[in-house]
Amino acid sequence: MADPSVALQEAVFARLTAEVSCPIYDGAPMNADMPYVSIDREVSLNVSPISGRRREQRLLYLSVWSDAMGQAEVKGINAEVIAALDERPLPLSVGRAVSVRVIQSDAQRDADGVTYQGSITVRVITTH
């Protein structure tokens, strides 16, 4: 069976687009209006048992960007992303998402001193 990585990204993008109040990007344009969420990175770890279906633990890294004063907007969008993904079934067109769990989120001022960034790490266990 094909690797579910692309199917997972498509499902996360669709869910966030439907449930989060700002644009979602996989590679935001340089001049994108803020706020927005960016799907930044995926790390896949092979956690397959000795025999049986192939299983991976995937860590998805999402960023929230805001140019609003203070952290409130970033924290609000972080909460929307968490509500959209944490412990909710996520149907895939290839493979199966066995578990979807947000394991970390934060908000901080960017190095430019103006922009605020949120980051969210989602752990997804897939089988195929």
N, C-alpha and C. Protein backbone atom coordinates (compact mmCIF):
# COMPACT_ATOMS: atom_id res chain seq x y z
N MET A 1 0.84 -1.18 0.00
CA MET A 1 0.00 0.00 0.00
C MET A 1 0.89 1.24 0.00
N ALA A 2 0.44 2.28 -0.66
CA ALA A 2 1.20 3.52 -0.76
C ALA A 2 1.35 4.21 0.59
N ASP A 3 2.38 5.02 0.70
CA ASP A 3 2.64 5.79 1.92
C ASP A 3 1.53 6.82 2.14
N PRO A 4 1.01 6.94 3.36
CA PRO A 4 -0.10 7.87 3.62
C PRO A 4 0.30 9.32 3.87
N SER A 5 1.54 9.68 3.67
CA SER A 5 2.02 11.02 4.00
C SER A 5 1.25 12.12 3.27
N VAL A 6 1.08 11.99 1.96
CA VAL A 6 0.36 13.01 1.19
C VAL A 6 -1.12 13.03 1.58
N ALA A 7 -1.70 11.84 1.76
CA ALA A 7 -3.11 11.77 2.18
C ALA A 7 -3.31 12.44 3.54
N LEU A 8 -2.35 12.27 4.44
CA LEU A 8 -2.43 12.91 5.76
C LEU A 8 -2.37 14.43 5.61
N GLN A 9 -1.46 14.91 4.81
CA GLN A 9 -1.35 16.36 4.61
C GLN A 9 -2.63 16.92 4.00
N GLU A 10 -3.19 16.23 3.03
CA GLU A 10 -4.45 16.68 2.42
C GLU A 10 -5.58 16.70 3.44
N ALA A 11 -5.66 15.69 4.30
CA ALA A 11 -6.72 15.62 5.31
C ALA A 11 -6.56 16.72 6.36
N VAL A 12 -5.33 16.97 6.80
CA VAL A 12 -5.08 18.04 7.77
C VAL A 12 -5.42 19.39 7.14
N PHE A 13 -5.00 19.62 5.91
CA PHE A 13 -5.29 20.88 5.22
C PHE A 13 -6.80 21.09 5.10
N ALA A 14 -7.52 20.05 4.69
CA ALA A 14 -8.98 20.15 4.53
C ALA A 14 -9.66 20.44 5.86
N ARG A 15 -9.27 19.74 6.92
CA ARG A 15 -9.88 19.94 8.23
C ARG A 15 -9.62 21.36 8.73
N LEU A 16 -8.37 21.81 8.64
CA LEU A 16 -8.04 23.15 9.14
C LEU A 16 -8.74 24.23 8.31
N THR A 17 -8.80 24.04 7.00
CA THR A 17 -9.48 25.01 6.14
C THR A 17 -10.95 25.14 6.52
N ALA A 18 -11.56 24.02 6.89
CA ALA A 18 -12.98 24.02 7.24
C ALA A 18 -13.25 24.58 8.63
N GLU A 19 -12.29 24.46 9.56
CA GLU A 19 -12.59 24.76 10.96
C GLU A 19 -11.78 25.89 11.59
N VAL A 20 -10.80 26.42 10.91
CA VAL A 20 -9.97 27.49 11.49
C VAL A 20 -10.30 28.80 10.78
N SER A 21 -10.30 29.89 11.53
CA SER A 21 -10.81 31.18 11.05
C SER A 21 -9.83 32.00 10.22
N CYS A 22 -8.72 31.42 9.81
CA CYS A 22 -7.77 32.16 8.98
C CYS A 22 -7.28 31.24 7.86
N PRO A 23 -6.59 31.79 6.86
CA PRO A 23 -6.09 30.96 5.77
C PRO A 23 -5.08 29.91 6.25
N ILE A 24 -5.07 28.78 5.55
CA ILE A 24 -4.13 27.69 5.81
C ILE A 24 -3.26 27.55 4.57
N TYR A 25 -1.95 27.45 4.77
CA TYR A 25 -1.02 27.33 3.65
C TYR A 25 -0.09 26.15 3.83
N ASP A 26 0.26 25.55 2.72
CA ASP A 26 1.40 24.64 2.64
C ASP A 26 2.41 25.41 1.81
N GLY A 27 3.16 26.24 2.46
CA GLY A 27 4.07 27.15 1.76
C GLY A 27 3.38 28.48 1.51
N ALA A 28 3.37 29.34 2.51
CA ALA A 28 2.70 30.64 2.40
C ALA A 28 3.44 31.54 1.43
N PRO A 29 2.70 32.32 0.63
CA PRO A 29 3.36 33.31 -0.22
C PRO A 29 4.09 34.35 0.64
N MET A 30 5.13 34.93 0.11
CA MET A 30 5.93 35.90 0.88
C MET A 30 5.10 37.10 1.34
N ASN A 31 4.08 37.46 0.59
CA ASN A 31 3.28 38.65 0.93
C ASN A 31 1.92 38.27 1.52
N ALA A 32 1.80 37.07 2.09
CA ALA A 32 0.52 36.62 2.64
C ALA A 32 0.08 37.53 3.79
N ASP A 33 -1.20 37.90 3.76
CA ASP A 33 -1.75 38.67 4.87
C ASP A 33 -1.83 37.78 6.11
N MET A 34 -1.55 38.39 7.25
CA MET A 34 -1.66 37.68 8.52
C MET A 34 -3.00 37.99 9.15
N PRO A 35 -3.54 37.09 9.94
CA PRO A 35 -2.96 35.84 10.42
C PRO A 35 -3.15 34.72 9.41
N TYR A 36 -2.30 33.70 9.56
CA TYR A 36 -2.46 32.47 8.79
C TYR A 36 -1.76 31.33 9.51
N VAL A 37 -2.09 30.11 9.09
CA VAL A 37 -1.45 28.90 9.60
C VAL A 37 -0.67 28.28 8.45
N SER A 38 0.54 27.84 8.75
CA SER A 38 1.40 27.20 7.76
C SER A 38 1.70 25.77 8.20
N ILE A 39 1.51 24.83 7.28
CA ILE A 39 1.93 23.45 7.51
C ILE A 39 3.40 23.40 7.13
N ASP A 40 4.27 23.27 8.13
CA ASP A 40 5.70 23.47 7.89
C ASP A 40 6.51 22.21 7.62
N ARG A 41 6.29 21.17 8.41
CA ARG A 41 7.23 20.05 8.36
C ARG A 41 6.57 18.79 8.87
N GLU A 42 7.02 17.65 8.36
CA GLU A 42 6.59 16.35 8.87
C GLU A 42 7.82 15.48 9.06
N VAL A 43 7.90 14.85 10.22
CA VAL A 43 8.95 13.88 10.51
C VAL A 43 8.27 12.54 10.72
N SER A 44 8.75 11.51 10.05
CA SER A 44 8.15 10.18 10.15
C SER A 44 9.13 9.21 10.79
N LEU A 45 8.65 8.49 11.80
CA LEU A 45 9.46 7.48 12.48
C LEU A 45 8.82 6.11 12.27
N ASN A 46 9.63 5.13 11.90
CA ASN A 46 9.12 3.78 11.71
C ASN A 46 8.94 3.13 13.09
N VAL A 47 7.69 2.84 13.43
CA VAL A 47 7.40 2.18 14.71
C VAL A 47 6.66 0.86 14.46
N SER A 48 6.96 0.25 13.32
CA SER A 48 6.31 -1.00 12.95
C SER A 48 6.71 -2.12 13.90
N PRO A 49 5.75 -3.00 14.23
CA PRO A 49 6.11 -4.19 15.01
C PRO A 49 6.92 -5.15 14.13
N ILE A 50 7.44 -6.19 14.74
CA ILE A 50 8.23 -7.18 13.99
C ILE A 50 7.44 -7.73 12.81
N SER A 51 6.16 -8.01 13.03
CA SER A 51 5.31 -8.47 11.93
C SER A 51 3.99 -7.70 11.99
N GLY A 52 3.30 -7.68 10.88
CA GLY A 52 2.03 -6.96 10.85
C GLY A 52 2.09 -5.75 9.94
N ARG A 53 1.10 -4.91 10.09
CA ARG A 53 0.99 -3.73 9.23
C ARG A 53 2.11 -2.72 9.51
N ARG A 54 2.50 -2.03 8.47
CA ARG A 54 3.49 -0.98 8.62
C ARG A 54 2.88 0.16 9.43
N ARG A 55 3.63 0.69 10.39
CA ARG A 55 3.13 1.75 11.26
C ARG A 55 4.21 2.83 11.39
N GLU A 56 3.78 4.09 11.28
CA GLU A 56 4.69 5.22 11.49
C GLU A 56 4.11 6.17 12.52
N GLN A 57 5.01 6.76 13.29
CA GLN A 57 4.64 7.89 14.13
C GLN A 57 5.10 9.13 13.38
N ARG A 58 4.16 10.01 13.10
CA ARG A 58 4.47 11.22 12.33
C ARG A 58 4.29 12.43 13.22
N LEU A 59 5.26 13.33 13.18
CA LEU A 59 5.16 14.59 13.89
C LEU A 59 4.96 15.68 12.86
N LEU A 60 3.81 16.35 12.95
CA LEU A 60 3.51 17.46 12.05
C LEU A 60 3.75 18.76 12.80
N TYR A 61 4.47 19.66 12.18
CA TYR A 61 4.78 20.95 12.78
C TYR A 61 4.03 22.04 12.03
N LEU A 62 3.18 22.76 12.76
CA LEU A 62 2.37 23.83 12.19
C LEU A 62 2.79 25.14 12.83
N SER A 63 2.74 26.22 12.07
CA SER A 63 3.03 27.56 12.60
C SER A 63 1.84 28.47 12.39
N VAL A 64 1.61 29.33 13.36
CA VAL A 64 0.58 30.37 13.28
C VAL A 64 1.33 31.69 13.25
N TRP A 65 0.97 32.57 12.31
CA TRP A 65 1.63 33.87 12.19
C TRP A 65 0.61 34.98 12.32
N SER A 66 0.97 36.00 13.09
CA SER A 66 0.08 37.13 13.33
C SER A 66 0.88 38.41 13.46
N ASP A 67 0.33 39.50 12.92
CA ASP A 67 0.95 40.80 13.13
C ASP A 67 0.10 41.68 14.06
N ALA A 68 -0.86 41.05 14.75
CA ALA A 68 -1.67 41.78 15.73
C ALA A 68 -0.83 42.04 16.98
N MET A 69 -1.16 43.10 17.70
CA MET A 69 -0.44 43.44 18.93
C MET A 69 -0.72 42.38 19.99
N GLY A 70 0.31 41.83 20.58
CA GLY A 70 0.17 40.86 21.65
C GLY A 70 -0.06 39.44 21.14
N GLN A 71 -0.19 38.53 22.06
CA GLN A 71 -0.28 37.10 21.74
C GLN A 71 -1.70 36.58 21.63
N ALA A 72 -2.69 37.39 21.92
CA ALA A 72 -4.07 36.90 21.99
C ALA A 72 -4.53 36.25 20.68
N GLU A 73 -4.24 36.87 19.55
CA GLU A 73 -4.69 36.30 18.28
C GLU A 73 -4.04 34.95 18.03
N VAL A 74 -2.73 34.86 18.24
CA VAL A 74 -2.02 33.59 18.04
C VAL A 74 -2.59 32.52 18.96
N LYS A 75 -2.81 32.86 20.23
CA LYS A 75 -3.34 31.87 21.18
C LYS A 75 -4.74 31.43 20.79
N GLY A 76 -5.56 32.34 20.27
CA GLY A 76 -6.89 31.97 19.82
C GLY A 76 -6.86 31.02 18.64
N ILE A 77 -5.98 31.29 17.69
CA ILE A 77 -5.86 30.41 16.51
C ILE A 77 -5.25 29.08 16.92
N ASN A 78 -4.26 29.10 17.82
CA ASN A 78 -3.73 27.83 18.35
C ASN A 78 -4.88 26.98 18.89
N ALA A 79 -5.78 27.60 19.66
CA ALA A 79 -6.91 26.87 20.26
C ALA A 79 -7.83 26.30 19.18
N GLU A 80 -8.05 27.05 18.09
CA GLU A 80 -8.88 26.54 16.99
C GLU A 80 -8.23 25.32 16.33
N VAL A 81 -6.92 25.39 16.10
CA VAL A 81 -6.20 24.27 15.48
C VAL A 81 -6.27 23.05 16.39
N ILE A 82 -6.05 23.25 17.68
CA ILE A 82 -6.11 22.14 18.63
C ILE A 82 -7.50 21.51 18.63
N ALA A 83 -8.54 22.34 18.65
CA ALA A 83 -9.91 21.83 18.64
C ALA A 83 -10.20 21.06 17.35
N ALA A 84 -9.60 21.47 16.24
CA ALA A 84 -9.85 20.82 14.95
C ALA A 84 -9.16 19.46 14.84
N LEU A 85 -8.05 19.28 15.55
CA LEU A 85 -7.26 18.06 15.34
C LEU A 85 -7.15 17.13 16.53
N ASP A 86 -7.07 17.63 17.74
CA ASP A 86 -6.73 16.81 18.89
C ASP A 86 -7.78 15.74 19.20
N GLU A 87 -7.33 14.49 19.17
CA GLU A 87 -8.16 13.33 19.52
C GLU A 87 -9.42 13.20 18.66
N ARG A 88 -9.35 13.69 17.43
CA ARG A 88 -10.48 13.57 16.51
C ARG A 88 -10.11 12.64 15.36
N PRO A 89 -11.03 11.79 14.93
CA PRO A 89 -10.75 10.92 13.78
C PRO A 89 -10.41 11.77 12.55
N LEU A 90 -9.46 11.27 11.77
CA LEU A 90 -9.04 11.98 10.57
C LEU A 90 -8.99 10.98 9.42
N PRO A 91 -10.07 10.93 8.60
CA PRO A 91 -10.11 9.96 7.51
C PRO A 91 -9.05 10.27 6.45
N LEU A 92 -8.36 9.24 6.01
CA LEU A 92 -7.34 9.37 4.97
C LEU A 92 -7.75 8.61 3.72
N SER A 93 -7.35 9.10 2.57
CA SER A 93 -7.63 8.40 1.31
C SER A 93 -6.69 7.22 1.10
N VAL A 94 -5.54 7.23 1.78
CA VAL A 94 -4.56 6.14 1.73
C VAL A 94 -4.12 5.86 3.16
N GLY A 95 -4.17 4.61 3.59
CA GLY A 95 -3.76 4.26 4.94
C GLY A 95 -4.82 4.66 5.96
N ARG A 96 -4.40 4.68 7.22
CA ARG A 96 -5.33 4.97 8.31
C ARG A 96 -4.61 5.77 9.39
N ALA A 97 -5.25 6.83 9.89
CA ALA A 97 -4.74 7.57 11.04
C ALA A 97 -5.31 6.92 12.29
N VAL A 98 -4.48 6.18 13.01
CA VAL A 98 -4.92 5.44 14.19
C VAL A 98 -5.10 6.38 15.37
N SER A 99 -4.24 7.38 15.48
CA SER A 99 -4.29 8.32 16.60
C SER A 99 -3.84 9.69 16.11
N VAL A 100 -4.56 10.73 16.53
CA VAL A 100 -4.19 12.12 16.22
C VAL A 100 -4.21 12.86 17.55
N ARG A 101 -3.07 13.37 17.95
CA ARG A 101 -2.98 14.05 19.26
C ARG A 101 -2.05 15.26 19.16
N VAL A 102 -2.53 16.41 19.62
CA VAL A 102 -1.68 17.58 19.75
C VAL A 102 -0.83 17.38 21.00
N ILE A 103 0.49 17.42 20.83
CA ILE A 103 1.37 17.15 21.97
C ILE A 103 2.07 18.41 22.49
N GLN A 104 1.99 19.53 21.74
CA GLN A 104 2.67 20.74 22.20
C GLN A 104 2.12 21.94 21.45
N SER A 105 2.02 23.07 22.13
CA SER A 105 1.73 24.34 21.46
C SER A 105 2.39 25.46 22.24
N ASP A 106 2.73 26.53 21.55
CA ASP A 106 3.27 27.70 22.24
C ASP A 106 3.00 28.95 21.43
N ALA A 107 3.26 30.09 22.04
CA ALA A 107 3.12 31.39 21.39
C ALA A 107 4.26 32.27 21.87
N GLN A 108 4.85 33.02 20.93
CA GLN A 108 5.96 33.90 21.30
C GLN A 108 6.11 35.02 20.29
N ARG A 109 6.79 36.07 20.70
CA ARG A 109 7.11 37.17 19.80
C ARG A 109 8.25 36.72 18.89
N ASP A 110 8.16 37.04 17.61
CA ASP A 110 9.20 36.70 16.65
C ASP A 110 10.41 37.62 16.87
N ALA A 111 11.53 37.24 16.29
CA ALA A 111 12.76 38.01 16.43
C ALA A 111 12.64 39.44 15.88
N ASP A 112 11.68 39.68 14.97
CA ASP A 112 11.52 41.04 14.42
C ASP A 112 10.91 42.01 15.43
N GLY A 113 10.42 41.50 16.57
CA GLY A 113 9.87 42.34 17.62
C GLY A 113 8.44 42.80 17.37
N VAL A 114 7.86 42.44 16.23
CA VAL A 114 6.52 42.89 15.87
C VAL A 114 5.57 41.71 15.68
N THR A 115 6.02 40.72 14.96
CA THR A 115 5.21 39.57 14.59
C THR A 115 5.17 38.57 15.75
N TYR A 116 4.02 37.89 15.89
CA TYR A 116 3.90 36.82 16.87
C TYR A 116 3.76 35.50 16.13
N GLN A 117 4.37 34.47 16.71
CA GLN A 117 4.31 33.14 16.13
C GLN A 117 3.80 32.14 17.15
N GLY A 118 2.90 31.29 16.68
CA GLY A 118 2.49 30.14 17.46
C GLY A 118 3.03 28.90 16.79
N SER A 119 3.29 27.89 17.56
CA SER A 119 3.70 26.62 16.96
C SER A 119 2.92 25.50 17.63
N ILE A 120 2.58 24.51 16.81
CA ILE A 120 1.78 23.38 17.26
C ILE A 120 2.42 22.12 16.71
N THR A 121 2.61 21.14 17.58
CA THR A 121 3.13 19.84 17.15
C THR A 121 2.03 18.81 17.32
N VAL A 122 1.76 18.10 16.22
CA VAL A 122 0.70 17.08 16.21
C VAL A 122 1.36 15.73 15.97
N ARG A 123 1.07 14.76 16.83
CA ARG A 123 1.57 13.41 16.63
C ARG A 123 0.44 12.58 16.01
N VAL A 124 0.75 11.97 14.87
CA VAL A 124 -0.23 11.12 14.19
C VAL A 124 0.42 9.74 13.99
N ILE A 125 -0.28 8.72 14.43
CA ILE A 125 0.17 7.36 14.17
C ILE A 125 -0.62 6.83 12.98
N THR A 126 0.09 6.43 11.92
CA THR A 126 -0.57 5.92 10.73
C THR A 126 -0.19 4.46 10.51
N THR A 127 -1.10 3.74 9.87
CA THR A 127 -0.81 2.37 9.44
C THR A 127 -1.15 2.26 7.97
N HIS A 128 -0.50 1.31 7.34
CA HIS A 128 -0.80 1.00 5.93
C HIS A 128 -0.24 -0.34 5.57
